[in-house]
Amino acid sequence: MKKILALLMVMAPVFALQASSETPVCEFTKLHLAKQLKLSVECKGSYLQYCEEKGCGIQENVDKRRELKIAGFNVYNLGMEQDIKGNKLTALKDHRILAEVIGQFDLVAAIELKHFAKEDMVYNMALAKNPINGLAFRVPAYLQVLRQLQAKDSSWSLILAPDLFGINPADTLNNELSGFFYRRNVVAPVHTEYCKSLACAVPAKEFKADVARKPFLASFTSGKSTFTMAAVHFRYRYPYIGDGKKSMLNEALYNPMLKVYEFEAHTGFVYNPKVKSQVEEKYETSSRFSEVKSVSNFLGRLVANSRQKDVLLYGDFNLMAPREEEAKTPKEAAFRRAWMDEKGVLENFKGAAPYVNKLSTVGKEQLSNAFDHFVFSKSGSLKGCNTANADVFNFTDRDQFRAGDELIKSLDLEKFKQSLRTEMKLEKGKAIPRYSSGKVDFLSIGFQTKVLDSYQKGTFTVYQELISDHLPISMSCSF
């Protein structure tokens, strides 16, 4: 007990000062939760790793030649603490159904995972200091998903970024984590030369202009091949100063971005400077393409200056990447030039091109926006990736996702209410219900309308709430 209390005293100020780092959560999990969750936990400086309790070592059959299903997935605020209004965005997310989606693949680059909420960490630390019979520690959402995956295949593991070096550590809305869920019996992380470890987030010093959420890199081996994968959630909003209502362009961040890549100057497509919405779209498009150029420049240097020659980038780019035959409007043609021209955003990532340009955003009633892509050069180990069949996995299609559909049909309002009523919190050292009766009623109405009613009506809100507002993209690679 003395050892535990000493660690908690050390962790408390660290967690307060470094709200953007997930390392204290990992250390707490290793000390208090690993046995309960049957996990092996490694908390390294540049990555966090969670595997089945017998360890994270490479399994014997990983070196057998095989076809690997690789996916990229924006999991939509997994474990979101709260938005700028104080509302929890993903209160209805179902970790079991989300795991059913991830379980369709072998290696999944996951973005938009959220830090364990400060409120939950404070609760856990208080409970560790003064245990109360019948109360359990709260578990980070990404580990809840991992445990659901391991219930079907114990080899499922997770390698997670501790931090993506956001500008403002207190910005819980935009600060995110990236990670890789992987089946350890068919693919395994190996030393990444750039990181000098298994994995790392790329620091800001590598970029000449702002990149809101830095790439998370990890190298993997499968069959006889090794490759490096990068996961990035590119910016949605242009850099601004203010609260969103009375905001203005942050020129200190934006102007250096234009020096990296200026969309209008390079493509010849000009937005109307007299129309506010077009001016804002210009800012958004330019800042997003600038980030793509910054990241692809880095990946190009990585390939040129290290032994990491086979690099696969997955991202939610918030940009379409139309193929030549799809570029039918002036704007689409300009986007195509931005991606593929000799001086385009991929000019220094030699041989690289974007793949998958399918609708992947889950709206309330239909799919929209082709924003999720793989970017890589079809050479070396990645020559065996089948881009012709690369596609979205459409979990809104009940026939395609039958296992998930059965789980959704089994959901029950009374069981949902009961799960809320049994959650507890600590107040002055005593356990009391976490949610008031009014909050239970409020969340239950949301569950009824956004989940049960949506499913019956055939709208897509149910999938946004339970799973994500993005479909995963995937492809098969022979190694």
Protein backbone atom coordinates (compact mmCIF):
# COMPACT_ATOMS: atom_id res chain seq x y z
CA MET A 1 0.00 0.00 0.00
CA LYS A 2 2.87 2.41 0.77
CA LYS A 3 4.22 1.84 -2.73
CA ILE A 4 0.81 2.60 -4.25
CA LEU A 5 0.33 5.79 -2.27
CA ALA A 6 3.83 6.96 -3.16
CA LEU A 7 3.13 6.44 -6.85
CA LEU A 8 -0.20 8.26 -6.62
CA MET A 9 1.51 11.25 -4.97
CA VAL A 10 3.98 11.40 -7.86
CA MET A 11 1.30 10.91 -10.54
CA ALA A 12 -1.14 13.56 -9.30
CA PRO A 13 0.92 16.65 -10.18
CA VAL A 14 2.15 15.02 -13.40
CA PHE A 15 -1.42 14.43 -14.54
CA ALA A 16 -2.41 17.98 -13.63
CA LEU A 17 0.49 19.57 -15.47
CA GLN A 18 0.52 17.27 -18.50
CA ALA A 19 -3.17 16.90 -19.26
CA SER A 20 -2.34 16.05 -22.86
CA SER A 21 -0.17 13.04 -21.97
CA GLU A 22 -1.74 9.61 -21.62
CA THR A 23 1.33 8.14 -19.91
CA PRO A 24 0.01 8.61 -16.32
CA VAL A 25 -3.13 6.73 -17.35
CA CYS A 26 -0.97 3.90 -18.68
CA GLU A 27 1.06 3.79 -15.46
CA PHE A 28 -2.13 3.66 -13.39
CA THR A 29 -3.54 0.93 -15.61
CA LYS A 30 -0.36 -1.11 -15.26
CA LEU A 31 -0.46 -0.82 -11.48
CA HIS A 32 -4.19 -1.24 -10.79
CA LEU A 33 -6.06 -2.58 -13.81
CA ALA A 34 -3.74 -4.90 -15.73
CA LYS A 35 -4.58 -7.98 -13.68
CA GLN A 36 -8.32 -7.31 -13.77
CA LEU A 37 -8.28 -6.70 -17.54
CA LYS A 38 -5.84 -9.56 -18.16
CA LEU A 39 -3.46 -7.24 -19.97
CA SER A 40 0.27 -6.90 -20.39
CA VAL A 41 1.02 -3.16 -20.26
CA GLU A 42 4.10 -1.28 -21.45
CA CYS A 43 4.36 2.47 -20.81
CA LYS A 44 7.27 3.76 -22.90
CA GLY A 45 8.30 7.33 -23.55
CA SER A 46 7.10 7.42 -27.15
CA TYR A 47 4.31 4.82 -27.13
CA LEU A 48 1.98 2.81 -24.89
CA GLN A 49 1.32 -0.86 -25.59
CA TYR A 50 -1.45 -3.17 -24.41
CA CYS A 51 -1.53 -6.91 -25.17
CA GLU A 52 -2.92 -10.11 -23.68
CA GLU A 53 -1.46 -10.85 -20.25
CA LYS A 54 1.10 -13.39 -21.47
CA GLY A 55 3.03 -10.58 -23.19
CA CYS A 56 3.55 -8.51 -26.34
CA GLY A 57 6.27 -10.58 -28.00
CA ILE A 58 6.10 -11.55 -31.68
CA GLN A 59 4.22 -14.81 -32.15
CA GLU A 60 5.80 -17.66 -34.13
CA ASN A 61 3.45 -17.70 -37.12
CA VAL A 62 3.77 -13.97 -37.94
CA ASP A 63 6.48 -14.75 -40.51
CA LYS A 64 4.20 -16.93 -42.66
CA ARG A 65 3.23 -15.41 -46.01
CA ARG A 66 -0.33 -14.16 -46.01
CA GLU A 67 -2.87 -11.60 -47.13
CA LEU A 68 -3.27 -8.88 -44.53
CA LYS A 69 -6.41 -6.78 -44.21
CA ILE A 70 -5.28 -3.23 -43.43
CA ALA A 71 -7.76 -0.51 -42.46
CA GLY A 72 -7.91 3.13 -41.45
CA PHE A 73 -10.71 4.27 -39.20
CA ASN A 74 -11.79 7.57 -37.67
CA VAL A 75 -13.56 6.21 -34.60
CA TYR A 76 -15.26 9.54 -33.77
CA ASN A 77 -14.31 10.88 -30.36
CA LEU A 78 -13.80 7.52 -28.69
CA GLY A 79 -13.88 8.33 -24.97
CA MET A 80 -14.61 12.03 -25.52
CA GLU A 81 -14.55 13.96 -22.26
CA GLN A 82 -16.74 16.84 -23.39
CA ASP A 83 -17.16 19.42 -26.11
CA ILE A 84 -16.81 23.18 -25.71
CA LYS A 85 -20.35 23.35 -24.24
CA GLY A 86 -19.58 20.72 -21.61
CA ASN A 87 -21.61 17.97 -23.30
CA LYS A 88 -20.19 14.48 -23.66
CA LEU A 89 -20.27 13.77 -27.38
CA THR A 90 -20.23 10.00 -27.38
CA ALA A 91 -22.37 8.98 -24.42
CA LEU A 92 -24.20 6.34 -26.48
CA LYS A 93 -21.18 4.71 -28.16
CA ASP A 94 -21.28 0.92 -27.96
CA HIS A 95 -17.78 -0.54 -27.56
CA ARG A 96 -18.92 -4.04 -28.41
CA ILE A 97 -20.36 -2.98 -31.78
CA LEU A 98 -17.37 -0.75 -32.53
CA ALA A 99 -15.09 -3.71 -31.81
CA GLU A 100 -17.16 -5.82 -34.21
CA VAL A 101 -16.27 -3.33 -36.97
CA ILE A 102 -12.56 -3.25 -36.10
CA GLY A 103 -12.57 -7.03 -35.91
CA GLN A 104 -13.22 -7.24 -39.66
CA PHE A 105 -9.53 -6.46 -40.24
CA ASP A 106 -6.03 -7.44 -39.08
CA LEU A 107 -4.36 -4.03 -38.65
CA VAL A 108 -6.34 -0.84 -38.04
CA ALA A 109 -4.89 2.66 -37.90
CA ALA A 110 -7.35 4.40 -35.58
CA ILE A 111 -7.66 8.16 -35.19
CA GLU A 112 -9.80 10.41 -33.00
CA LEU A 113 -9.26 8.37 -29.87
CA LYS A 114 -9.57 10.65 -26.87
CA HIS A 115 -7.57 11.02 -23.68
CA PHE A 116 -9.00 9.38 -20.58
CA ALA A 117 -11.17 12.07 -18.99
CA LYS A 118 -9.64 13.97 -16.06
CA GLU A 119 -12.83 13.37 -14.10
CA ASP A 120 -12.41 9.61 -14.52
CA MET A 121 -8.72 9.70 -13.61
CA VAL A 122 -9.45 11.71 -10.47
CA TYR A 123 -12.13 9.16 -9.52
CA ASN A 124 -9.72 6.26 -10.07
CA MET A 125 -6.97 7.86 -8.02
CA ALA A 126 -9.37 8.59 -5.15
CA LEU A 127 -10.65 5.01 -5.24
CA ALA A 128 -7.08 3.66 -5.24
CA LYS A 129 -6.31 5.73 -2.17
CA ASN A 130 -9.49 4.75 -0.31
CA PRO A 131 -10.99 1.54 -1.78
CA ILE A 132 -14.75 1.10 -1.33
CA ASN A 133 -16.32 -2.32 -1.46
CA GLY A 134 -18.26 -2.91 -4.67
CA LEU A 135 -16.79 0.04 -6.59
CA ALA A 136 -14.65 -0.63 -9.65
CA PHE A 137 -12.10 1.51 -11.45
CA ARG A 138 -13.19 3.20 -14.66
CA VAL A 139 -11.54 1.89 -17.82
CA PRO A 140 -10.42 4.05 -20.77
CA ALA A 141 -12.70 3.61 -23.79
CA TYR A 142 -9.87 2.42 -26.04
CA LEU A 143 -9.17 -0.41 -23.57
CA GLN A 144 -12.85 -1.29 -23.38
CA VAL A 145 -12.81 -1.74 -27.15
CA LEU A 146 -9.60 -3.78 -26.91
CA ARG A 147 -11.15 -6.11 -24.33
CA GLN A 148 -14.16 -6.66 -26.60
CA LEU A 149 -11.78 -7.57 -29.42
CA GLN A 150 -9.81 -9.92 -27.17
CA ALA A 151 -13.00 -11.70 -26.14
CA LYS A 152 -13.06 -13.16 -29.67
CA ASP A 153 -9.31 -13.28 -30.40
CA SER A 154 -6.89 -12.89 -27.51
CA SER A 155 -4.09 -11.81 -29.86
CA TRP A 156 -5.66 -8.39 -30.44
CA SER A 157 -3.34 -5.66 -29.14
CA LEU A 158 -3.05 -1.88 -29.16
CA ILE A 159 -0.10 0.44 -29.60
CA LEU A 160 -1.07 4.00 -28.69
CA ALA A 161 0.43 7.48 -28.91
CA PRO A 162 0.82 9.12 -25.47
CA ASP A 163 0.43 12.58 -27.05
CA LEU A 164 0.18 14.20 -30.50
CA PHE A 165 1.75 17.50 -29.40
CA GLY A 166 -1.24 19.81 -29.80
CA ILE A 167 -0.67 23.53 -29.32
CA ASN A 168 -3.02 23.78 -26.33
CA PRO A 169 -2.87 20.80 -23.91
CA ALA A 170 -6.15 21.92 -22.27
CA ASP A 171 -8.09 21.76 -25.56
CA THR A 172 -10.00 18.51 -24.98
CA LEU A 173 -12.06 19.02 -28.14
CA ASN A 174 -9.13 18.98 -30.58
CA ASN A 175 -6.45 17.08 -28.66
CA GLU A 176 -6.62 13.49 -29.78
CA LEU A 177 -4.66 10.27 -29.83
CA SER A 178 -3.91 7.86 -32.63
CA GLY A 179 -3.17 4.18 -32.34
CA PHE A 180 -2.96 0.83 -34.07
CA PHE A 181 -5.18 -2.10 -33.18
CA TYR A 182 -3.56 -5.27 -34.52
CA ARG A 183 -3.86 -9.05 -34.39
CA ARG A 184 -0.55 -10.13 -32.89
CA ASN A 185 -0.84 -13.62 -34.40
CA VAL A 186 -0.60 -12.25 -37.98
CA VAL A 187 1.16 -8.88 -37.70
CA ALA A 188 3.46 -7.36 -35.09
CA PRO A 189 5.12 -4.00 -34.41
CA VAL A 190 8.89 -3.89 -34.85
CA HIS A 191 11.58 -1.28 -34.31
CA THR A 192 10.93 1.98 -36.18
CA GLU A 193 14.28 3.51 -37.10
CA TYR A 194 13.11 7.13 -36.96
CA CYS A 195 11.56 6.65 -33.52
CA LYS A 196 14.45 4.62 -32.12
CA SER A 197 11.67 2.50 -30.61
CA LEU A 198 8.54 0.66 -31.77
CA ALA A 199 6.52 3.81 -32.42
CA CYS A 200 6.34 7.57 -31.91
CA ALA A 201 4.49 10.75 -32.75
CA VAL A 202 6.45 13.05 -35.04
CA PRO A 203 7.42 16.26 -33.17
CA ALA A 204 6.58 19.77 -34.37
CA LYS A 205 10.23 20.53 -35.20
CA GLU A 206 9.89 18.37 -38.33
CA PHE A 207 7.40 20.79 -39.90
CA LYS A 208 7.89 24.33 -41.23
CA ALA A 209 4.28 25.27 -40.47
CA ASP A 210 1.61 24.14 -38.04
CA VAL A 211 0.29 20.59 -38.22
CA ALA A 212 -2.54 20.42 -35.70
CA ARG A 213 -2.30 16.71 -34.90
CA LYS A 214 1.05 15.12 -35.57
CA PRO A 215 1.51 11.79 -37.39
CA PHE A 216 1.85 8.66 -35.28
CA LEU A 217 4.33 6.17 -36.76
CA ALA A 218 4.77 2.46 -36.16
CA SER A 219 6.49 -0.26 -38.16
CA PHE A 220 5.04 -3.73 -38.62
CA THR A 221 6.15 -7.10 -39.87
CA SER A 222 3.99 -9.72 -41.50
CA GLY A 223 5.02 -12.60 -43.71
CA LYS A 224 8.49 -11.78 -45.00
CA SER A 225 7.91 -8.01 -45.15
CA THR A 226 8.24 -4.95 -42.97
CA PHE A 227 6.53 -1.60 -43.54
CA THR A 228 5.87 1.63 -41.67
CA MET A 229 2.40 3.06 -41.19
CA ALA A 230 1.49 6.64 -40.30
CA ALA A 231 -1.89 7.73 -38.98
CA VAL A 232 -3.02 11.38 -39.13
CA HIS A 233 -6.26 13.25 -38.54
CA PHE A 234 -5.76 16.37 -40.64
CA ARG A 235 -7.33 19.62 -39.54
CA TYR A 236 -10.98 20.40 -40.09
CA ARG A 237 -11.03 24.08 -39.08
CA TYR A 238 -8.62 26.67 -40.38
CA PRO A 239 -6.41 28.22 -37.67
CA TYR A 240 -8.36 30.95 -35.92
CA ILE A 241 -8.37 33.15 -32.84
CA GLY A 242 -11.56 33.50 -30.82
CA ASP A 243 -14.48 31.43 -29.56
CA GLY A 244 -15.87 30.36 -32.90
CA LYS A 245 -18.65 32.98 -33.07
CA LYS A 246 -16.40 36.02 -33.12
CA SER A 247 -13.32 34.34 -34.47
CA MET A 248 -10.75 35.63 -36.91
CA LEU A 249 -8.00 34.03 -38.96
CA ASN A 250 -4.85 33.31 -36.98
CA GLU A 251 -2.38 34.78 -39.46
CA ALA A 252 0.62 33.83 -37.33
CA LEU A 253 -0.20 30.18 -38.04
CA TYR A 254 -1.86 30.54 -41.44
CA ASN A 255 0.74 32.61 -43.31
CA PRO A 256 3.60 30.10 -42.78
CA MET A 257 1.21 27.40 -44.03
CA LEU A 258 0.85 29.25 -47.35
CA LYS A 259 4.62 29.17 -47.75
CA VAL A 260 4.43 25.38 -47.61
CA TYR A 261 1.57 25.14 -50.11
CA GLU A 262 -0.87 27.76 -51.43
CA PHE A 263 -3.84 26.09 -53.07
CA GLU A 264 -4.99 28.98 -55.29
CA ALA A 265 -1.51 29.83 -56.54
CA HIS A 266 -0.61 26.23 -57.36
CA THR A 267 -3.88 25.10 -58.93
CA GLY A 268 -5.25 28.30 -60.49
CA PHE A 269 -8.61 27.80 -58.79
CA VAL A 270 -9.75 31.08 -57.19
CA TYR A 271 -12.39 31.50 -54.50
CA ASN A 272 -14.60 34.60 -54.58
CA PRO A 273 -13.03 37.07 -52.10
CA LYS A 274 -16.36 38.92 -51.73
CA VAL A 275 -18.31 35.91 -50.46
CA LYS A 276 -17.63 35.11 -46.80
CA SER A 277 -18.36 31.40 -47.14
CA GLN A 278 -15.91 31.11 -50.03
CA VAL A 279 -13.24 33.03 -48.15
CA GLU A 280 -13.61 30.61 -45.23
CA GLU A 281 -13.54 27.63 -47.59
CA LYS A 282 -10.33 29.01 -49.08
CA TYR A 283 -8.76 29.21 -45.61
CA GLU A 284 -9.88 25.64 -44.84
CA THR A 285 -8.72 24.15 -48.14
CA SER A 286 -5.37 25.94 -48.09
CA SER A 287 -4.58 25.00 -44.49
CA ARG A 288 -5.56 21.36 -45.04
CA PHE A 289 -3.48 20.96 -48.18
CA SER A 290 -0.59 22.70 -46.42
CA GLU A 291 -0.73 20.06 -43.69
CA VAL A 292 -0.78 17.30 -46.31
CA LYS A 293 2.29 18.81 -47.95
CA SER A 294 4.08 19.12 -44.61
CA VAL A 295 3.39 15.51 -43.67
CA SER A 296 4.20 14.12 -47.13
CA ASN A 297 7.47 16.14 -47.18
CA PHE A 298 8.40 14.51 -43.87
CA LEU A 299 7.51 11.03 -45.12
CA GLY A 300 9.55 11.68 -48.26
CA ARG A 301 12.57 12.57 -46.13
CA LEU A 302 11.96 9.47 -44.05
CA VAL A 303 12.06 7.24 -47.12
CA ALA A 304 15.09 9.01 -48.58
CA ASN A 305 17.21 9.14 -45.44
CA SER A 306 16.50 5.89 -43.60
CA ARG A 307 15.93 2.20 -44.16
CA GLN A 308 12.19 2.78 -43.89
CA LYS A 309 11.42 2.54 -47.61
CA ASP A 310 7.84 1.27 -47.51
CA VAL A 311 5.59 3.84 -45.85
CA LEU A 312 1.80 3.77 -45.83
CA LEU A 313 -0.15 6.86 -44.73
CA TYR A 314 -3.77 6.68 -43.57
CA GLY A 315 -5.65 9.86 -42.85
CA ASP A 316 -8.97 11.54 -42.52
CA PHE A 317 -7.77 14.39 -44.75
CA ASN A 318 -10.99 16.41 -44.77
CA LEU A 319 -10.24 16.68 -48.49
CA MET A 320 -11.54 14.74 -51.47
CA ALA A 321 -8.96 13.04 -53.68
CA PRO A 322 -10.75 12.55 -57.00
CA ARG A 323 -9.35 10.18 -59.59
CA GLU A 324 -8.80 11.62 -63.04
CA GLU A 325 -12.13 10.38 -64.38
CA GLU A 326 -13.93 11.77 -61.30
CA ALA A 327 -12.61 15.34 -61.61
CA LYS A 328 -15.58 16.75 -63.55
CA THR A 329 -16.01 20.21 -62.00
CA PRO A 330 -13.39 23.02 -61.90
CA LYS A 331 -12.98 22.52 -58.15
CA GLU A 332 -12.58 18.75 -58.48
CA ALA A 333 -10.02 19.28 -61.25
CA ALA A 334 -8.12 21.70 -59.00
CA PHE A 335 -8.11 19.19 -56.16
CA ARG A 336 -6.79 16.57 -58.56
CA ARG A 337 -3.95 18.91 -59.58
CA ALA A 338 -3.16 19.64 -55.94
CA TRP A 339 -2.71 15.94 -55.29
CA MET A 340 -1.05 14.77 -58.49
CA ASP A 341 0.77 17.64 -60.23
CA GLU A 342 4.55 17.49 -60.32
CA LYS A 343 4.63 20.37 -57.82
CA GLY A 344 1.60 19.15 -55.89
CA VAL A 345 1.39 18.19 -52.24
CA LEU A 346 2.98 14.76 -52.86
CA GLU A 347 5.95 15.98 -54.92
CA ASN A 348 8.52 14.94 -52.29
CA PHE A 349 6.82 11.66 -51.35
CA LYS A 350 8.13 9.93 -54.44
CA GLY A 351 5.74 7.63 -56.25
CA ALA A 352 2.95 8.20 -53.73
CA ALA A 353 -0.68 8.62 -54.74
CA PRO A 354 -4.00 8.71 -52.89
CA TYR A 355 -6.19 5.61 -52.92
CA VAL A 356 -9.87 5.17 -51.97
CA ASN A 357 -12.09 8.10 -52.87
CA LYS A 358 -15.42 6.73 -51.68
CA LEU A 359 -18.09 8.43 -49.57
CA SER A 360 -17.06 7.73 -45.99
CA THR A 361 -18.78 10.32 -43.78
CA VAL A 362 -21.90 8.97 -42.07
CA GLY A 363 -24.63 11.60 -42.14
CA LYS A 364 -28.01 11.40 -40.47
CA GLU A 365 -29.67 9.91 -43.54
CA GLN A 366 -26.96 9.20 -46.10
CA LEU A 367 -23.24 8.96 -46.76
CA SER A 368 -21.26 12.01 -47.93
CA ASN A 369 -17.69 13.36 -48.29
CA ALA A 370 -14.85 11.22 -49.61
CA PHE A 371 -12.31 12.35 -47.01
CA ASP A 372 -10.59 9.11 -45.89
CA HIS A 373 -7.66 7.89 -47.98
CA PHE A 374 -4.52 5.78 -48.05
CA VAL A 375 -1.45 7.50 -49.55
CA PHE A 376 1.61 5.47 -50.53
CA SER A 377 3.87 4.32 -53.32
CA LYS A 378 3.03 0.90 -54.75
CA SER A 379 6.60 -0.37 -54.54
CA GLY A 380 8.68 -2.65 -52.36
CA SER A 381 6.65 -4.45 -49.70
CA LEU A 382 3.56 -2.39 -50.55
CA LYS A 383 3.52 -3.56 -54.19
CA GLY A 384 1.25 -6.38 -53.05
CA CYS A 385 -1.50 -4.04 -51.82
CA ASN A 386 -4.63 -4.44 -53.90
CA THR A 387 -5.74 -0.85 -54.50
CA ALA A 388 -8.26 -1.93 -57.14
CA ASN A 389 -10.39 -3.49 -54.42
CA ALA A 390 -9.66 -0.90 -51.72
CA ASP A 391 -12.98 0.33 -50.40
CA VAL A 392 -15.04 1.48 -47.45
CA PHE A 393 -16.56 -1.05 -45.06
CA ASN A 394 -20.16 0.10 -44.97
CA PHE A 395 -21.49 -0.74 -41.52
CA THR A 396 -24.73 1.09 -42.34
CA ASP A 397 -25.51 -1.71 -44.82
CA ARG A 398 -27.37 -4.28 -42.74
CA ASP A 399 -26.50 -7.11 -45.13
CA GLN A 400 -22.79 -6.25 -45.17
CA PHE A 401 -22.60 -5.90 -41.39
CA ARG A 402 -24.95 -8.63 -40.23
CA ALA A 403 -23.12 -9.35 -36.98
CA GLY A 404 -23.39 -5.71 -35.96
CA ASP A 405 -26.99 -5.57 -37.07
CA GLU A 406 -27.86 -8.44 -34.74
CA LEU A 407 -26.15 -6.64 -31.85
CA ILE A 408 -28.09 -3.45 -32.58
CA LYS A 409 -31.38 -5.34 -32.66
CA SER A 410 -30.58 -6.79 -29.22
CA LEU A 411 -30.26 -3.38 -27.56
CA ASP A 412 -32.80 -2.66 -24.83
CA LEU A 413 -33.88 0.61 -23.24
CA GLU A 414 -34.39 -0.79 -19.74
CA LYS A 415 -30.94 -2.39 -19.73
CA PHE A 416 -29.47 0.94 -20.83
CA LYS A 417 -31.24 2.76 -17.98
CA GLN A 418 -30.07 0.18 -15.48
CA SER A 419 -26.45 0.52 -16.63
CA LEU A 420 -26.64 4.26 -15.92
CA ARG A 421 -28.29 3.80 -12.51
CA THR A 422 -25.57 1.42 -11.33
CA GLU A 423 -22.68 3.77 -12.19
CA MET A 424 -21.29 5.47 -9.12
CA LYS A 425 -19.07 8.43 -8.29
CA LEU A 426 -17.29 9.58 -5.15
CA GLU A 427 -18.35 12.61 -3.15
CA LYS A 428 -16.59 13.40 0.12
CA GLY A 429 -15.30 9.85 0.20
CA LYS A 430 -18.74 8.27 -0.21
CA ALA A 431 -20.24 6.45 -3.18
CA ILE A 432 -23.31 8.08 -4.69
CA PRO A 433 -25.07 7.60 -8.08
CA ARG A 434 -23.04 9.13 -10.89
CA TYR A 435 -26.12 10.32 -12.74
CA SER A 436 -29.13 12.09 -11.30
CA SER A 437 -32.56 10.72 -12.19
CA GLY A 438 -32.97 13.69 -14.53
CA LYS A 439 -29.71 12.87 -16.31
CA VAL A 440 -30.72 9.21 -16.61
CA ASP A 441 -34.01 10.29 -18.18
CA PHE A 442 -32.22 12.69 -20.53
CA LEU A 443 -29.73 10.07 -21.75
CA SER A 444 -32.50 7.47 -22.02
CA ILE A 445 -34.52 9.76 -24.28
CA GLY A 446 -31.41 10.13 -26.43
CA PHE A 447 -30.98 6.36 -26.53
CA GLN A 448 -34.62 5.89 -27.54
CA THR A 449 -34.66 8.55 -30.27
CA LYS A 450 -31.11 8.38 -31.61
CA VAL A 451 -30.64 4.61 -31.41
CA LEU A 452 -33.86 2.60 -31.22
CA ASP A 453 -36.13 4.95 -33.19
CA SER A 454 -33.43 5.73 -35.75
CA TYR A 455 -32.89 2.03 -36.41
CA GLN A 456 -36.62 1.46 -36.91
CA LYS A 457 -36.88 4.44 -39.28
CA GLY A 458 -33.84 3.33 -41.27
CA THR A 459 -31.87 6.55 -40.68
CA PHE A 460 -28.12 6.59 -40.00
CA THR A 461 -28.13 8.41 -36.64
CA VAL A 462 -27.99 5.05 -34.87
CA TYR A 463 -24.65 4.29 -36.53
CA GLN A 464 -23.22 7.74 -35.77
CA GLU A 465 -24.08 7.31 -32.11
CA LEU A 466 -23.13 3.67 -31.58
CA ILE A 467 -20.11 3.38 -33.88
CA SER A 468 -18.74 6.46 -35.69
CA ASP A 469 -19.52 9.25 -38.13
CA HIS A 470 -16.94 7.73 -40.50
CA LEU A 471 -16.75 4.41 -42.29
CA PRO A 472 -13.40 2.60 -42.16
CA ILE A 473 -11.48 2.19 -45.41
CA SER A 474 -9.54 -0.97 -46.10
CA MET A 475 -7.46 -2.95 -48.57
CA SER A 476 -5.77 -6.32 -48.70
CA CYS A 477 -1.99 -6.57 -48.98
CA SER A 478 -0.05 -9.73 -49.77
CA PHE A 479 3.17 -10.09 -47.80
